[in-house]
Amino acid sequence: MKFEEAVKIILTYEGGYAFDSQDPGGETRFGISKRQYPDLDIKNLTESEAIEIYRRDYWAPIKPLLLPERLRLCVFDCAVNQGVTRAIRILQGSVGAKQDGVLGPMTIDAVRSMPEKEVLKSMCELRLIHYAKLPHFPRFGAGWCRRLIDIVIRSL
């Protein structure tokens, strides 16, 4: 999967402007949060600007071209929704690699040594476990779970 296709899917979940007082990200637009980008004018952020942030800060750090095709969307979505470092740690945990949050050659080798569907299944489980531990799971958990199921189905 290429970035343009993946970000289009992500924007179906992250579109529009929101300012939910219970959302730890605070003010968001296209999924870009004031908490992550305190100097950014979130309310006036354009979709094009958001896409470039996704490319630079979420897609590039997960080194998608080194990952098997089926895993790219799931790892990218995890990076967007749960953070880049956590996404890499979840991927590492899924393949039995050291969970240091660094996507290096040992992690890539471990990923490539396992069937993609097995890695997807394990990532899904680890993501769900992480979500369930969050204090705001009762408010946002159902949406996160629906999103995760859709992402996994799209990746099969």
Protein backbone atom coordinates (compact mmCIF):
# COMPACT_ATOMS: atom_id res chain seq x y z
CA MET A 1 0.00 0.00 0.00
CA LYS A 2 1.22 3.45 -0.91
CA PHE A 3 1.03 6.50 1.32
CA GLU A 4 -1.68 8.22 -0.74
CA GLU A 5 -4.01 5.24 -0.36
CA ALA A 6 -3.22 4.74 3.34
CA VAL A 7 -3.69 8.39 4.31
CA LYS A 8 -7.02 8.49 2.46
CA ILE A 9 -8.21 5.63 4.70
CA ILE A 10 -6.83 7.29 7.85
CA LEU A 11 -8.65 10.53 7.01
CA THR A 12 -11.97 8.66 6.98
CA TYR A 13 -11.44 8.23 10.73
CA GLU A 14 -9.61 11.45 11.44
CA GLY A 15 -11.48 14.00 9.34
CA GLY A 16 -12.97 17.27 10.45
CA TYR A 17 -12.60 19.58 13.41
CA ALA A 18 -13.31 18.46 16.96
CA PHE A 19 -12.75 19.84 20.43
CA ASP A 20 -13.95 17.24 22.90
CA SER A 21 -13.03 18.18 26.47
CA GLN A 22 -12.64 14.47 27.29
CA ASP A 23 -10.20 13.81 24.46
CA PRO A 24 -6.63 13.91 25.81
CA GLY A 25 -5.47 15.26 22.42
CA GLY A 26 -7.62 18.33 22.92
CA GLU A 27 -8.48 20.33 19.85
CA THR A 28 -8.05 18.28 16.66
CA ARG A 29 -8.53 18.65 12.93
CA PHE A 30 -7.94 15.80 10.50
CA GLY A 31 -6.64 13.89 13.53
CA ILE A 32 -3.81 16.36 14.15
CA SER A 33 -3.99 17.39 17.79
CA LYS A 34 -3.11 20.56 19.64
CA ARG A 35 -1.39 18.41 22.26
CA GLN A 36 1.06 17.02 19.70
CA TYR A 37 1.41 20.28 17.78
CA PRO A 38 0.93 23.12 20.30
CA ASP A 39 2.23 25.80 17.92
CA LEU A 40 -0.07 24.82 15.06
CA ASP A 41 -3.31 26.67 14.29
CA ILE A 42 -5.46 23.54 14.45
CA LYS A 43 -8.74 25.23 13.61
CA ASN A 44 -7.35 26.52 10.30
CA LEU A 45 -5.24 23.49 9.40
CA THR A 46 -5.84 22.42 5.81
CA GLU A 47 -6.20 18.82 4.70
CA SER A 48 -3.06 19.21 2.57
CA GLU A 49 -1.08 20.39 5.59
CA ALA A 50 -2.40 17.48 7.65
CA ILE A 51 -1.43 15.01 4.93
CA GLU A 52 2.13 16.36 4.92
CA ILE A 53 2.28 16.00 8.72
CA TYR A 54 1.10 12.40 8.37
CA ARG A 55 3.74 11.72 5.69
CA ARG A 56 6.60 13.30 7.64
CA ASP A 57 5.77 12.40 11.25
CA TYR A 58 3.87 9.10 11.02
CA TRP A 59 4.47 7.37 7.67
CA ALA A 60 8.21 8.02 7.21
CA PRO A 61 9.24 6.93 10.75
CA ILE A 62 7.59 3.49 10.38
CA LYS A 63 9.70 2.81 7.25
CA PRO A 64 6.75 1.31 5.39
CA LEU A 65 8.67 0.25 2.30
CA LEU A 66 10.69 -2.11 4.51
CA LEU A 67 7.49 -3.73 5.80
CA PRO A 68 5.45 -6.37 4.02
CA GLU A 69 2.59 -4.80 2.04
CA ARG A 70 -0.20 -6.16 4.27
CA LEU A 71 1.32 -4.65 7.41
CA ARG A 72 1.79 -1.10 6.19
CA LEU A 73 -1.73 0.19 6.84
CA CYS A 74 -2.00 -1.43 10.27
CA VAL A 75 1.36 -0.09 11.46
CA PHE A 76 0.59 3.36 10.01
CA ASP A 77 -2.83 3.43 11.66
CA CYS A 78 -1.29 2.36 14.96
CA ALA A 79 1.29 5.16 14.67
CA VAL A 80 -1.44 7.73 14.02
CA ASN A 81 -3.81 6.47 16.71
CA GLN A 82 -1.39 5.26 19.38
CA GLY A 83 1.91 7.00 18.60
CA VAL A 84 4.89 6.08 16.43
CA THR A 85 7.01 4.62 19.23
CA ARG A 86 4.12 2.54 20.56
CA ALA A 87 3.32 1.33 17.03
CA ILE A 88 6.88 0.10 16.62
CA ARG A 89 6.83 -1.51 20.07
CA ILE A 90 3.53 -3.24 19.26
CA LEU A 91 5.00 -4.48 15.98
CA GLN A 92 8.09 -5.69 17.85
CA GLY A 93 5.96 -7.43 20.46
CA SER A 94 4.00 -9.10 17.67
CA VAL A 95 7.12 -10.72 16.26
CA GLY A 96 9.02 -11.42 19.48
CA ALA A 97 11.63 -8.71 18.91
CA LYS A 98 13.09 -6.48 21.60
CA GLN A 99 10.50 -3.77 22.29
CA ASP A 100 12.73 -0.71 22.19
CA GLY A 101 10.61 1.39 19.82
CA VAL A 102 13.37 1.47 17.18
CA LEU A 103 12.53 -0.03 13.80
CA GLY A 104 15.94 -1.46 12.97
CA PRO A 105 17.21 -4.41 10.94
CA MET A 106 16.56 -6.98 13.68
CA THR A 107 12.90 -5.96 13.89
CA ILE A 108 12.54 -5.95 10.10
CA ASP A 109 14.11 -9.44 9.90
CA ALA A 110 11.76 -10.71 12.61
CA VAL A 111 8.74 -9.22 10.81
CA ARG A 112 9.76 -10.77 7.50
CA SER A 113 10.28 -14.18 9.11
CA MET A 114 6.62 -14.50 10.16
CA PRO A 115 3.43 -14.89 8.16
CA GLU A 116 1.81 -11.48 7.65
CA LYS A 117 -1.59 -12.64 8.89
CA GLU A 118 -0.02 -13.88 12.13
CA VAL A 119 1.65 -10.52 12.68
CA LEU A 120 -1.63 -8.70 11.96
CA LYS A 121 -3.49 -10.90 14.45
CA SER A 122 -0.89 -10.32 17.14
CA MET A 123 -0.77 -6.57 16.50
CA CYS A 124 -4.55 -6.43 16.78
CA GLU A 125 -4.46 -8.22 20.12
CA LEU A 126 -1.70 -5.99 21.51
CA ARG A 127 -3.46 -2.84 20.32
CA LEU A 128 -6.70 -3.94 21.99
CA ILE A 129 -4.87 -4.70 25.24
CA HIS A 130 -3.33 -1.22 25.20
CA TYR A 131 -6.64 0.48 24.44
CA ALA A 132 -8.39 -1.36 27.28
CA LYS A 133 -5.85 -0.02 29.79
CA LEU A 134 -6.50 3.62 28.91
CA PRO A 135 -8.65 5.63 31.33
CA HIS A 136 -10.67 7.10 28.46
CA PHE A 137 -11.49 3.68 26.95
CA PRO A 138 -15.12 3.81 28.15
CA ARG A 139 -15.67 6.98 26.10
CA PHE A 140 -13.65 6.21 22.95
CA GLY A 141 -13.06 2.44 23.06
CA ALA A 142 -15.93 1.33 20.86
CA GLY A 143 -14.79 3.65 18.08
CA TRP A 144 -11.18 2.54 18.39
CA CYS A 145 -12.23 -1.10 18.23
CA ARG A 146 -14.41 -0.56 15.14
CA ARG A 147 -11.55 1.29 13.49
CA LEU A 148 -9.07 -1.45 14.31
CA ILE A 149 -11.34 -4.17 12.96
CA ASP A 150 -11.81 -2.23 9.72
CA ILE A 151 -8.07 -1.65 9.36
CA VAL A 152 -7.32 -5.36 9.86
CA ILE A 153 -10.01 -6.39 7.36
CA ARG A 154 -8.60 -3.93 4.81
CA SER A 155 -5.13 -5.44 5.40
CA LEU A 156 -6.12 -9.04 4.74
